[in-house]
Full PDB file with SEQRES, HELIX, SHEET, SSBOND, CRYST1, ORIGX, SCALE, CONECT and MASTER records, all heavy atoms in Angstrom:
SEQRES   1 A   37  PRO VAL LEU GLY VAL ILE VAL GLY SER VAL ARG ALA GLY          
SEQRES   2 A   37  ARG VAL GLY PRO THR VAL ALA ARG TRP PHE VAL ARG HIS          
SEQRES   3 A   37  ALA GLU ALA ASP GLY ARG PHE GLU VAL ARG VAL                  
HELIX    1 AA1 GLY A   16  ASP A   30  1                                  15    
SHEET    1 AA1 2 VAL A   2  GLY A   4  0                                        
SHEET    2 AA1 2 GLU A  34  ARG A  36  1                                        
CRYST1    1.000    1.000    1.000  90.00  90.00  90.00 P 1           1          
ORIGX1      1.000000  0.000000  0.000000        0.00000                         
ORIGX2      0.000000  1.000000  0.000000        0.00000                         
ORIGX3      0.000000  0.000000  1.000000        0.00000                         
SCALE1      1.000000  0.000000  0.000000        0.00000                         
SCALE2      0.000000  1.000000  0.000000        0.00000                         
SCALE3      0.000000  0.000000  1.000000        0.00000                         
ATOM      1  N   PRO A   1      -0.279 -13.866  -7.569  1.00  0.00           N  
ATOM      2  CA  PRO A   1      -0.572 -13.959  -6.131  1.00  0.00           C  
ATOM      3  C   PRO A   1      -1.086 -12.622  -5.618  1.00  0.00           C  
ATOM      4  O   PRO A   1      -0.799 -11.562  -6.179  1.00  0.00           O  
ATOM      5  CB  PRO A   1       0.772 -14.318  -5.508  1.00  0.00           C  
ATOM      6  CG  PRO A   1       1.796 -13.885  -6.497  1.00  0.00           C  
ATOM      7  CD  PRO A   1       1.147 -13.973  -7.847  1.00  0.00           C  
ATOM      8  N   VAL A   2      -1.838 -12.673  -4.532  1.00  0.00           N  
ATOM      9  CA  VAL A   2      -2.436 -11.469  -3.949  1.00  0.00           C  
ATOM     10  C   VAL A   2      -1.549 -10.966  -2.814  1.00  0.00           C  
ATOM     11  O   VAL A   2      -1.216 -11.718  -1.898  1.00  0.00           O  
ATOM     12  CB  VAL A   2      -3.860 -11.761  -3.431  1.00  0.00           C  
ATOM     13  CG1 VAL A   2      -4.458 -10.521  -2.768  1.00  0.00           C  
ATOM     14  CG2 VAL A   2      -4.749 -12.249  -4.570  1.00  0.00           C  
ATOM     15  N   LEU A   3      -1.184  -9.696  -2.903  1.00  0.00           N  
ATOM     16  CA  LEU A   3      -0.384  -9.036  -1.881  1.00  0.00           C  
ATOM     17  C   LEU A   3      -1.292  -8.087  -1.104  1.00  0.00           C  
ATOM     18  O   LEU A   3      -1.842  -7.144  -1.672  1.00  0.00           O  
ATOM     19  CB  LEU A   3       0.762  -8.247  -2.518  1.00  0.00           C  
ATOM     20  CG  LEU A   3       1.650  -7.438  -1.569  1.00  0.00           C  
ATOM     21  CD1 LEU A   3       2.414  -8.373  -0.627  1.00  0.00           C  
ATOM     22  CD2 LEU A   3       2.616  -6.577  -2.368  1.00  0.00           C  
ATOM     23  N   GLY A   4      -1.460  -8.354   0.178  1.00  0.00           N  
ATOM     24  CA  GLY A   4      -2.245  -7.483   1.047  1.00  0.00           C  
ATOM     25  C   GLY A   4      -1.354  -6.435   1.679  1.00  0.00           C  
ATOM     26  O   GLY A   4      -0.398  -6.775   2.368  1.00  0.00           O  
ATOM     27  N   VAL A   5      -1.653  -5.179   1.424  1.00  0.00           N  
ATOM     28  CA  VAL A   5      -0.886  -4.064   1.985  1.00  0.00           C  
ATOM     29  C   VAL A   5      -1.726  -3.454   3.105  1.00  0.00           C  
ATOM     30  O   VAL A   5      -2.802  -2.912   2.858  1.00  0.00           O  
ATOM     31  CB  VAL A   5      -0.550  -3.011   0.913  1.00  0.00           C  
ATOM     32  CG1 VAL A   5       0.188  -1.835   1.543  1.00  0.00           C  
ATOM     33  CG2 VAL A   5       0.271  -3.642  -0.205  1.00  0.00           C  
ATOM     34  N   ILE A   6      -1.241  -3.558   4.329  1.00  0.00           N  
ATOM     35  CA  ILE A   6      -1.971  -3.091   5.499  1.00  0.00           C  
ATOM     36  C   ILE A   6      -1.424  -1.745   5.960  1.00  0.00           C  
ATOM     37  O   ILE A   6      -0.240  -1.620   6.257  1.00  0.00           O  
ATOM     38  CB  ILE A   6      -1.868  -4.107   6.651  1.00  0.00           C  
ATOM     39  CG1 ILE A   6      -2.458  -5.439   6.216  1.00  0.00           C  
ATOM     40  CG2 ILE A   6      -2.567  -3.575   7.898  1.00  0.00           C  
ATOM     41  CD1 ILE A   6      -2.251  -6.545   7.221  1.00  0.00           C  
ATOM     42  N   VAL A   7      -2.305  -0.745   6.005  1.00  0.00           N  
ATOM     43  CA  VAL A   7      -1.941   0.571   6.535  1.00  0.00           C  
ATOM     44  C   VAL A   7      -2.200   0.502   8.032  1.00  0.00           C  
ATOM     45  O   VAL A   7      -3.344   0.423   8.472  1.00  0.00           O  
ATOM     46  CB  VAL A   7      -2.771   1.696   5.878  1.00  0.00           C  
ATOM     47  CG1 VAL A   7      -2.328   3.058   6.416  1.00  0.00           C  
ATOM     48  CG2 VAL A   7      -2.648   1.636   4.361  1.00  0.00           C  
ATOM     49  N   GLY A   8      -1.126   0.495   8.836  1.00  0.00           N  
ATOM     50  CA  GLY A   8      -1.230   0.184  10.251  1.00  0.00           C  
ATOM     51  C   GLY A   8      -1.606   1.300  11.191  1.00  0.00           C  
ATOM     52  O   GLY A   8      -2.039   1.050  12.300  1.00  0.00           O  
ATOM     53  N   SER A   9      -1.462   2.552  10.790  1.00  0.00           N  
ATOM     54  CA  SER A   9      -1.784   3.663  11.681  1.00  0.00           C  
ATOM     55  C   SER A   9      -3.226   4.097  11.475  1.00  0.00           C  
ATOM     56  O   SER A   9      -3.718   4.114  10.352  1.00  0.00           O  
ATOM     57  CB  SER A   9      -0.865   4.847  11.407  1.00  0.00           C  
ATOM     58  OG  SER A   9      -1.284   5.973  12.149  1.00  0.00           O  
ATOM     59  N   VAL A  10      -3.870   4.479  12.574  1.00  0.00           N  
ATOM     60  CA  VAL A  10      -5.244   4.981  12.494  1.00  0.00           C  
ATOM     61  C   VAL A  10      -5.353   6.408  13.023  1.00  0.00           C  
ATOM     62  O   VAL A  10      -6.448   6.937  13.126  1.00  0.00           O  
ATOM     63  CB  VAL A  10      -6.230   4.053  13.245  1.00  0.00           C  
ATOM     64  CG1 VAL A  10      -6.228   2.662  12.642  1.00  0.00           C  
ATOM     65  CG2 VAL A  10      -5.914   3.981  14.734  1.00  0.00           C  
ATOM     66  N   ARG A  11      -4.242   7.035  13.354  1.00  0.00           N  
ATOM     67  CA  ARG A  11      -4.250   8.389  13.914  1.00  0.00           C  
ATOM     68  C   ARG A  11      -4.755   9.422  12.914  1.00  0.00           C  
ATOM     69  O   ARG A  11      -4.493   9.315  11.717  1.00  0.00           O  
ATOM     70  CB  ARG A  11      -2.843   8.802  14.320  1.00  0.00           C  
ATOM     71  CG  ARG A  11      -2.349   8.180  15.578  1.00  0.00           C  
ATOM     72  CD  ARG A  11      -1.025   8.799  15.974  1.00  0.00           C  
ATOM     73  NE  ARG A  11      -0.542   8.220  17.213  1.00  0.00           N  
ATOM     74  CZ  ARG A  11       0.589   8.556  17.789  1.00  0.00           C  
ATOM     75  NH1 ARG A  11       1.373   9.479  17.234  1.00  0.00           N  
ATOM     76  NH2 ARG A  11       0.965   8.001  18.910  1.00  0.00           N  
ATOM     77  N   ALA A  12      -5.414  10.424  13.424  1.00  0.00           N  
ATOM     78  CA  ALA A  12      -5.802  11.572  12.592  1.00  0.00           C  
ATOM     79  C   ALA A  12      -4.534  12.285  12.130  1.00  0.00           C  
ATOM     80  O   ALA A  12      -3.562  12.386  12.881  1.00  0.00           O  
ATOM     81  CB  ALA A  12      -6.680  12.522  13.396  1.00  0.00           C  
ATOM     82  N   GLY A  13      -4.509  12.737  10.903  1.00  0.00           N  
ATOM     83  CA  GLY A  13      -3.355  13.449  10.376  1.00  0.00           C  
ATOM     84  C   GLY A  13      -2.179  12.553  10.037  1.00  0.00           C  
ATOM     85  O   GLY A  13      -1.071  13.033   9.823  1.00  0.00           O  
ATOM     86  N   ARG A  14      -2.394  11.273   9.970  1.00  0.00           N  
ATOM     87  CA  ARG A  14      -1.308  10.304   9.729  1.00  0.00           C  
ATOM     88  C   ARG A  14      -0.725  10.418   8.325  1.00  0.00           C  
ATOM     89  O   ARG A  14      -1.375  10.916   7.407  1.00  0.00           O  
ATOM     90  CB  ARG A  14      -1.849   8.892   9.952  1.00  0.00           C  
ATOM     91  CG  ARG A  14      -2.926   8.513   8.964  1.00  0.00           C  
ATOM     92  CD  ARG A  14      -3.846   7.430   9.496  1.00  0.00           C  
ATOM     93  NE  ARG A  14      -4.971   7.319   8.590  1.00  0.00           N  
ATOM     94  CZ  ARG A  14      -5.284   6.241   7.919  1.00  0.00           C  
ATOM     95  NH1 ARG A  14      -4.604   5.133   8.088  1.00  0.00           N  
ATOM     96  NH2 ARG A  14      -6.295   6.237   7.091  1.00  0.00           N  
ATOM     97  N   VAL A  15       0.492   9.939   8.162  1.00  0.00           N  
ATOM     98  CA  VAL A  15       1.205   9.958   6.891  1.00  0.00           C  
ATOM     99  C   VAL A  15       1.100   8.592   6.206  1.00  0.00           C  
ATOM    100  O   VAL A  15       1.402   8.456   5.025  1.00  0.00           O  
ATOM    101  CB  VAL A  15       2.689  10.339   7.128  1.00  0.00           C  
ATOM    102  CG1 VAL A  15       3.466  10.396   5.840  1.00  0.00           C  
ATOM    103  CG2 VAL A  15       2.782  11.663   7.858  1.00  0.00           C  
ATOM    104  N   GLY A  16       0.639   7.597   6.927  1.00  0.00           N  
ATOM    105  CA  GLY A  16       0.579   6.230   6.418  1.00  0.00           C  
ATOM    106  C   GLY A  16      -0.052   6.058   5.052  1.00  0.00           C  
ATOM    107  O   GLY A  16       0.499   5.334   4.208  1.00  0.00           O  
ATOM    108  N   PRO A  17      -1.187   6.687   4.774  1.00  0.00           N  
ATOM    109  CA  PRO A  17      -1.777   6.517   3.442  1.00  0.00           C  
ATOM    110  C   PRO A  17      -0.866   7.005   2.309  1.00  0.00           C  
ATOM    111  O   PRO A  17      -0.827   6.400   1.245  1.00  0.00           O  
ATOM    112  CB  PRO A  17      -3.065   7.336   3.520  1.00  0.00           C  
ATOM    113  CG  PRO A  17      -3.440   7.265   4.969  1.00  0.00           C  
ATOM    114  CD  PRO A  17      -2.121   7.351   5.695  1.00  0.00           C  
ATOM    115  N   THR A  18      -0.107   8.075   2.539  1.00  0.00           N  
ATOM    116  CA  THR A  18       0.832   8.559   1.518  1.00  0.00           C  
ATOM    117  C   THR A  18       1.924   7.532   1.274  1.00  0.00           C  
ATOM    118  O   THR A  18       2.260   7.215   0.127  1.00  0.00           O  
ATOM    119  CB  THR A  18       1.457   9.902   1.954  1.00  0.00           C  
ATOM    120  OG1 THR A  18       0.412  10.853   2.128  1.00  0.00           O  
ATOM    121  CG2 THR A  18       2.462  10.407   0.940  1.00  0.00           C  
ATOM    122  N   VAL A  19       2.479   6.999   2.347  1.00  0.00           N  
ATOM    123  CA  VAL A  19       3.530   5.981   2.237  1.00  0.00           C  
ATOM    124  C   VAL A  19       2.967   4.738   1.544  1.00  0.00           C  
ATOM    125  O   VAL A  19       3.601   4.180   0.641  1.00  0.00           O  
ATOM    126  CB  VAL A  19       4.098   5.632   3.628  1.00  0.00           C  
ATOM    127  CG1 VAL A  19       5.138   4.534   3.529  1.00  0.00           C  
ATOM    128  CG2 VAL A  19       4.680   6.869   4.301  1.00  0.00           C  
ATOM    129  N   ALA A  20       1.784   4.323   1.942  1.00  0.00           N  
ATOM    130  CA  ALA A  20       1.165   3.127   1.353  1.00  0.00           C  
ATOM    131  C   ALA A  20       0.890   3.328  -0.137  1.00  0.00           C  
ATOM    132  O   ALA A  20       1.139   2.418  -0.945  1.00  0.00           O  
ATOM    133  CB  ALA A  20      -0.123   2.777   2.090  1.00  0.00           C  
ATOM    134  N   ARG A  21       0.385   4.498  -0.522  1.00  0.00           N  
ATOM    135  CA  ARG A  21       0.119   4.755  -1.950  1.00  0.00           C  
ATOM    136  C   ARG A  21       1.403   4.661  -2.764  1.00  0.00           C  
ATOM    137  O   ARG A  21       1.413   4.117  -3.871  1.00  0.00           O  
ATOM    138  CB  ARG A  21      -0.536   6.122  -2.141  1.00  0.00           C  
ATOM    139  CG  ARG A  21      -2.026   6.110  -1.892  1.00  0.00           C  
ATOM    140  CD  ARG A  21      -2.694   7.414  -2.326  1.00  0.00           C  
ATOM    141  NE  ARG A  21      -2.225   8.581  -1.599  1.00  0.00           N  
ATOM    142  CZ  ARG A  21      -2.718   8.978  -0.431  1.00  0.00           C  
ATOM    143  NH1 ARG A  21      -3.697   8.305   0.146  1.00  0.00           N  
ATOM    144  NH2 ARG A  21      -2.235  10.055   0.161  1.00  0.00           N  
ATOM    145  N   TRP A  22       2.514   5.196  -2.223  1.00  0.00           N  
ATOM    146  CA  TRP A  22       3.792   5.084  -2.934  1.00  0.00           C  
ATOM    147  C   TRP A  22       4.143   3.619  -3.135  1.00  0.00           C  
ATOM    148  O   TRP A  22       4.487   3.190  -4.240  1.00  0.00           O  
ATOM    149  CB  TRP A  22       4.911   5.800  -2.167  1.00  0.00           C  
ATOM    150  CG  TRP A  22       6.237   5.564  -2.836  1.00  0.00           C  
ATOM    151  CD1 TRP A  22       6.774   6.284  -3.864  1.00  0.00           C  
ATOM    152  CD2 TRP A  22       7.146   4.488  -2.577  1.00  0.00           C  
ATOM    153  NE1 TRP A  22       7.970   5.723  -4.256  1.00  0.00           N  
ATOM    154  CE2 TRP A  22       8.215   4.612  -3.476  1.00  0.00           C  
ATOM    155  CE3 TRP A  22       7.154   3.419  -1.675  1.00  0.00           C  
ATOM    156  CZ2 TRP A  22       9.284   3.736  -3.502  1.00  0.00           C  
ATOM    157  CZ3 TRP A  22       8.227   2.536  -1.689  1.00  0.00           C  
ATOM    158  CH2 TRP A  22       9.282   2.700  -2.590  1.00  0.00           C  
ATOM    159  N   PHE A  23       4.046   2.833  -2.068  1.00  0.00           N  
ATOM    160  CA  PHE A  23       4.416   1.423  -2.184  1.00  0.00           C  
ATOM    161  C   PHE A  23       3.469   0.675  -3.123  1.00  0.00           C  
ATOM    162  O   PHE A  23       3.911  -0.150  -3.932  1.00  0.00           O  
ATOM    163  CB  PHE A  23       4.456   0.735  -0.815  1.00  0.00           C  
ATOM    164  CG  PHE A  23       4.797  -0.712  -0.956  1.00  0.00           C  
ATOM    165  CD1 PHE A  23       6.090  -1.103  -1.236  1.00  0.00           C  
ATOM    166  CD2 PHE A  23       3.807  -1.684  -0.885  1.00  0.00           C  
ATOM    167  CE1 PHE A  23       6.413  -2.444  -1.422  1.00  0.00           C  
ATOM    168  CE2 PHE A  23       4.111  -3.015  -1.068  1.00  0.00           C  
ATOM    169  CZ  PHE A  23       5.421  -3.396  -1.344  1.00  0.00           C  
ATOM    170  N   VAL A  24       2.186   0.936  -3.031  1.00  0.00           N  
ATOM    171  CA  VAL A  24       1.210   0.251  -3.892  1.00  0.00           C  
ATOM    172  C   VAL A  24       1.503   0.556  -5.353  1.00  0.00           C  
ATOM    173  O   VAL A  24       1.490  -0.353  -6.203  1.00  0.00           O  
ATOM    174  CB  VAL A  24      -0.232   0.633  -3.496  1.00  0.00           C  
ATOM    175  CG1 VAL A  24      -1.230   0.231  -4.562  1.00  0.00           C  
ATOM    176  CG2 VAL A  24      -0.590  -0.002  -2.161  1.00  0.00           C  
ATOM    177  N   ARG A  25       1.775   1.803  -5.685  1.00  0.00           N  
ATOM    178  CA  ARG A  25       2.121   2.145  -7.074  1.00  0.00           C  
ATOM    179  C   ARG A  25       3.361   1.370  -7.517  1.00  0.00           C  
ATOM    180  O   ARG A  25       3.418   0.857  -8.631  1.00  0.00           O  
ATOM    181  CB  ARG A  25       2.358   3.656  -7.222  1.00  0.00           C  
ATOM    182  CG  ARG A  25       1.094   4.474  -7.276  1.00  0.00           C  
ATOM    183  CD  ARG A  25       1.342   5.910  -7.750  1.00  0.00           C  
ATOM    184  NE  ARG A  25       2.329   6.635  -6.970  1.00  0.00           N  
ATOM    185  CZ  ARG A  25       2.040   7.410  -5.925  1.00  0.00           C  
ATOM    186  NH1 ARG A  25       0.795   7.570  -5.537  1.00  0.00           N  
ATOM    187  NH2 ARG A  25       3.001   8.034  -5.277  1.00  0.00           N  
ATOM    188  N   HIS A  26       4.343   1.284  -6.638  1.00  0.00           N  
ATOM    189  CA  HIS A  26       5.574   0.556  -6.961  1.00  0.00           C  
ATOM    190  C   HIS A  26       5.289  -0.932  -7.161  1.00  0.00           C  
ATOM    191  O   HIS A  26       5.773  -1.531  -8.122  1.00  0.00           O  
ATOM    192  CB  HIS A  26       6.607   0.767  -5.846  1.00  0.00           C  
ATOM    193  CG  HIS A  26       7.975   0.334  -6.240  1.00  0.00           C  
ATOM    194  ND1 HIS A  26       8.843   1.155  -6.919  1.00  0.00           N  
ATOM    195  CD2 HIS A  26       8.611  -0.848  -6.079  1.00  0.00           C  
ATOM    196  CE1 HIS A  26       9.965   0.488  -7.149  1.00  0.00           C  
ATOM    197  NE2 HIS A  26       9.848  -0.720  -6.643  1.00  0.00           N  
ATOM    198  N   ALA A  27       4.504  -1.520  -6.278  1.00  0.00           N  
ATOM    199  CA  ALA A  27       4.190  -2.949  -6.372  1.00  0.00           C  
ATOM    200  C   ALA A  27       3.348  -3.250  -7.613  1.00  0.00           C  
ATOM    201  O   ALA A  27       3.558  -4.278  -8.279  1.00  0.00           O  
ATOM    202  CB  ALA A  27       3.463  -3.414  -5.110  1.00  0.00           C  
ATOM    203  N   GLU A  28       2.409  -2.384  -7.929  1.00  0.00           N  
ATOM    204  CA  GLU A  28       1.597  -2.595  -9.132  1.00  0.00           C  
ATOM    205  C   GLU A  28       2.442  -2.495 -10.397  1.00  0.00           C  
ATOM    206  O   GLU A  28       2.275  -3.277 -11.330  1.00  0.00           O  
ATOM    207  CB  GLU A  28       0.434  -1.607  -9.169  1.00  0.00           C  
ATOM    208  CG  GLU A  28      -0.627  -1.929  -8.138  1.00  0.00           C  
ATOM    209  CD  GLU A  28      -1.730  -0.888  -8.045  1.00  0.00           C  
ATOM    210  OE1 GLU A  28      -1.530   0.262  -8.496  1.00  0.00           O  
ATOM    211  OE2 GLU A  28      -2.792  -1.232  -7.495  1.00  0.00           O  
ATOM    212  N   ALA A  29       3.372  -1.544 -10.429  1.00  0.00           N  
ATOM    213  CA  ALA A  29       4.263  -1.398 -11.581  1.00  0.00           C  
ATOM    214  C   ALA A  29       5.188  -2.605 -11.720  1.00  0.00           C  
ATOM    215  O   ALA A  29       5.541  -2.999 -12.834  1.00  0.00           O  
ATOM    216  CB  ALA A  29       5.085  -0.113 -11.454  1.00  0.00           C  
ATOM    217  N   ASP A  30       5.540  -3.211 -10.604  1.00  0.00           N  
ATOM    218  CA  ASP A  30       6.379  -4.407 -10.603  1.00  0.00           C  
ATOM    219  C   ASP A  30       5.669  -5.553 -11.328  1.00  0.00           C  
ATOM    220  O   ASP A  30       6.285  -6.316 -12.057  1.00  0.00           O  
ATOM    221  CB  ASP A  30       6.717  -4.786  -9.157  1.00  0.00           C  
ATOM    222  CG  ASP A  30       7.521  -6.054  -9.057  1.00  0.00           C  
ATOM    223  OD1 ASP A  30       8.763  -5.979  -9.086  1.00  0.00           O  
ATOM    224  OD2 ASP A  30       6.903  -7.142  -8.952  1.00  0.00           O  
ATOM    225  N   GLY A  31       4.370  -5.688 -11.100  1.00  0.00           N  
ATOM    226  CA  GLY A  31       3.565  -6.646 -11.837  1.00  0.00           C  
ATOM    227  C   GLY A  31       3.526  -8.080 -11.335  1.00  0.00           C  
ATOM    228  O   GLY A  31       2.830  -8.908 -11.912  1.00  0.00           O  
ATOM    229  N   ARG A  32       4.239  -8.382 -10.269  1.00  0.00           N  
ATOM    230  CA  ARG A  32       4.238  -9.773  -9.786  1.00  0.00           C  
ATOM    231  C   ARG A  32       3.045 -10.109  -8.911  1.00  0.00           C  
ATOM    232  O   ARG A  32       2.789 -11.295  -8.653  1.00  0.00           O  
ATOM    233  CB  ARG A  32       5.523 -10.064  -9.009  1.00  0.00           C  
ATOM    234  CG  ARG A  32       6.724 -10.199  -9.909  1.00  0.00           C  
ATOM    235  CD  ARG A  32       7.948 -10.539  -9.114  1.00  0.00           C  
ATOM    236  NE  ARG A  32       8.628  -9.301  -8.756  1.00  0.00           N  
ATOM    237  CZ  ARG A  32       9.884  -9.245  -8.330  1.00  0.00           C  
ATOM    238  NH1 ARG A  32      10.573 -10.347  -8.189  1.00  0.00           N  
ATOM    239  NH2 ARG A  32      10.426  -8.085  -8.039  1.00  0.00           N  
ATOM    240  N   PHE A  33       2.330  -9.103  -8.436  1.00  0.00           N  
ATOM    241  CA  PHE A  33       1.226  -9.317  -7.506  1.00  0.00           C  
ATOM    242  C   PHE A  33      -0.023  -8.564  -7.944  1.00  0.00           C  
ATOM    243  O   PHE A  33       0.061  -7.505  -8.559  1.00  0.00           O  
ATOM    244  CB  PHE A  33       1.595  -8.806  -6.103  1.00  0.00           C  
ATOM    245  CG  PHE A  33       2.629  -9.613  -5.396  1.00  0.00           C  
ATOM    246  CD1 PHE A  33       3.959  -9.224  -5.425  1.00  0.00           C  
ATOM    247  CD2 PHE A  33       2.273 -10.740  -4.675  1.00  0.00           C  
ATOM    248  CE1 PHE A  33       4.924  -9.955  -4.747  1.00  0.00           C  
ATOM    249  CE2 PHE A  33       3.224 -11.474  -3.993  1.00  0.00           C  
ATOM    250  CZ  PHE A  33       4.554 -11.090  -4.036  1.00  0.00           C  
ATOM    251  N   GLU A  34      -1.156  -9.108  -7.552  1.00  0.00           N  
ATOM    252  CA  GLU A  34      -2.389  -8.335  -7.512  1.00  0.00           C  
ATOM    253  C   GLU A  34      -2.379  -7.684  -6.138  1.00  0.00           C  
ATOM    254  O   GLU A  34      -2.245  -8.382  -5.131  1.00  0.00           O  
ATOM    255  CB  GLU A  34      -3.606  -9.252  -7.648  1.00  0.00           C  
ATOM    256  CG  GLU A  34      -4.913  -8.539  -7.471  1.00  0.00           C  
ATOM    257  CD  GLU A  34      -6.097  -9.480  -7.417  1.00  0.00           C  
ATOM    258  OE1 GLU A  34      -6.030 -10.579  -7.989  1.00  0.00           O  
ATOM    259  OE2 GLU A  34      -7.093  -9.112  -6.760  1.00  0.00           O  
ATOM    260  N   VAL A  35      -2.478  -6.380  -6.077  1.00  0.00           N  
ATOM    261  CA  VAL A  35      -2.308  -5.659  -4.818  1.00  0.00           C  
ATOM    262  C   VAL A  35      -3.665  -5.243  -4.262  1.00  0.00           C  
ATOM    263  O   VAL A  35      -4.491  -4.683  -4.976  1.00  0.00           O  
ATOM    264  CB  VAL A  35      -1.408  -4.419  -5.010  1.00  0.00           C  
ATOM    265  CG1 VAL A  35      -1.206  -3.695  -3.688  1.00  0.00           C  
ATOM    266  CG2 VAL A  35      -0.062  -4.823  -5.622  1.00  0.00           C  
ATOM    267  N   ARG A  36      -3.863  -5.535  -2.988  1.00  0.00           N  
ATOM    268  CA  ARG A  36      -5.070  -5.104  -2.272  1.00  0.00           C  
ATOM    269  C   ARG A  36      -4.639  -4.327  -1.037  1.00  0.00           C  
ATOM    270  O   ARG A  36      -3.700  -4.708  -0.352  1.00  0.00           O  
ATOM    271  CB  ARG A  36      -5.901  -6.303  -1.838  1.00  0.00           C  
ATOM    272  CG  ARG A  36      -6.447  -7.079  -3.012  1.00  0.00           C  
ATOM    273  CD  ARG A  36      -7.429  -8.107  -2.580  1.00  0.00           C  
ATOM    274  NE  ARG A  36      -7.764  -8.933  -3.731  1.00  0.00           N  
ATOM    275  CZ  ARG A  36      -8.279 -10.134  -3.638  1.00  0.00           C  
ATOM    276  NH1 ARG A  36      -8.527 -10.657  -2.461  1.00  0.00           N  
ATOM    277  NH2 ARG A  36      -8.555 -10.821  -4.728  1.00  0.00           N  
ATOM    278  N   VAL A  37      -5.376  -3.276  -0.728  1.00  0.00           N  
ATOM    279  CA  VAL A  37      -5.046  -2.414   0.415  1.00  0.00           C  
ATOM    280  C   VAL A  37      -6.106  -2.586   1.490  1.00  0.00           C  
ATOM    281  O   VAL A  37      -7.300  -2.588   1.197  1.00  0.00           O  
ATOM    282  CB  VAL A  37      -4.964  -0.937  -0.009  1.00  0.00           C  
ATOM    283  CG1 VAL A  37      -4.697  -0.044   1.193  1.00  0.00           C  
ATOM    284  CG2 VAL A  37      -3.898  -0.748  -1.077  1.00  0.00           C  
TER     285      VAL A  37                                                      
MASTER        0    0    0    1    2    0    0    6  284    1    0    3          
END                                                                             
């Protein structure tokens, strides 16, 4: 199944992409989903 990971903040200097990358790596390692950002 496809898991859509939405980075919700658009502010300059945001931390969201760092948090999202951590989660995406974790979800990909889990292997149950095809992950899209």
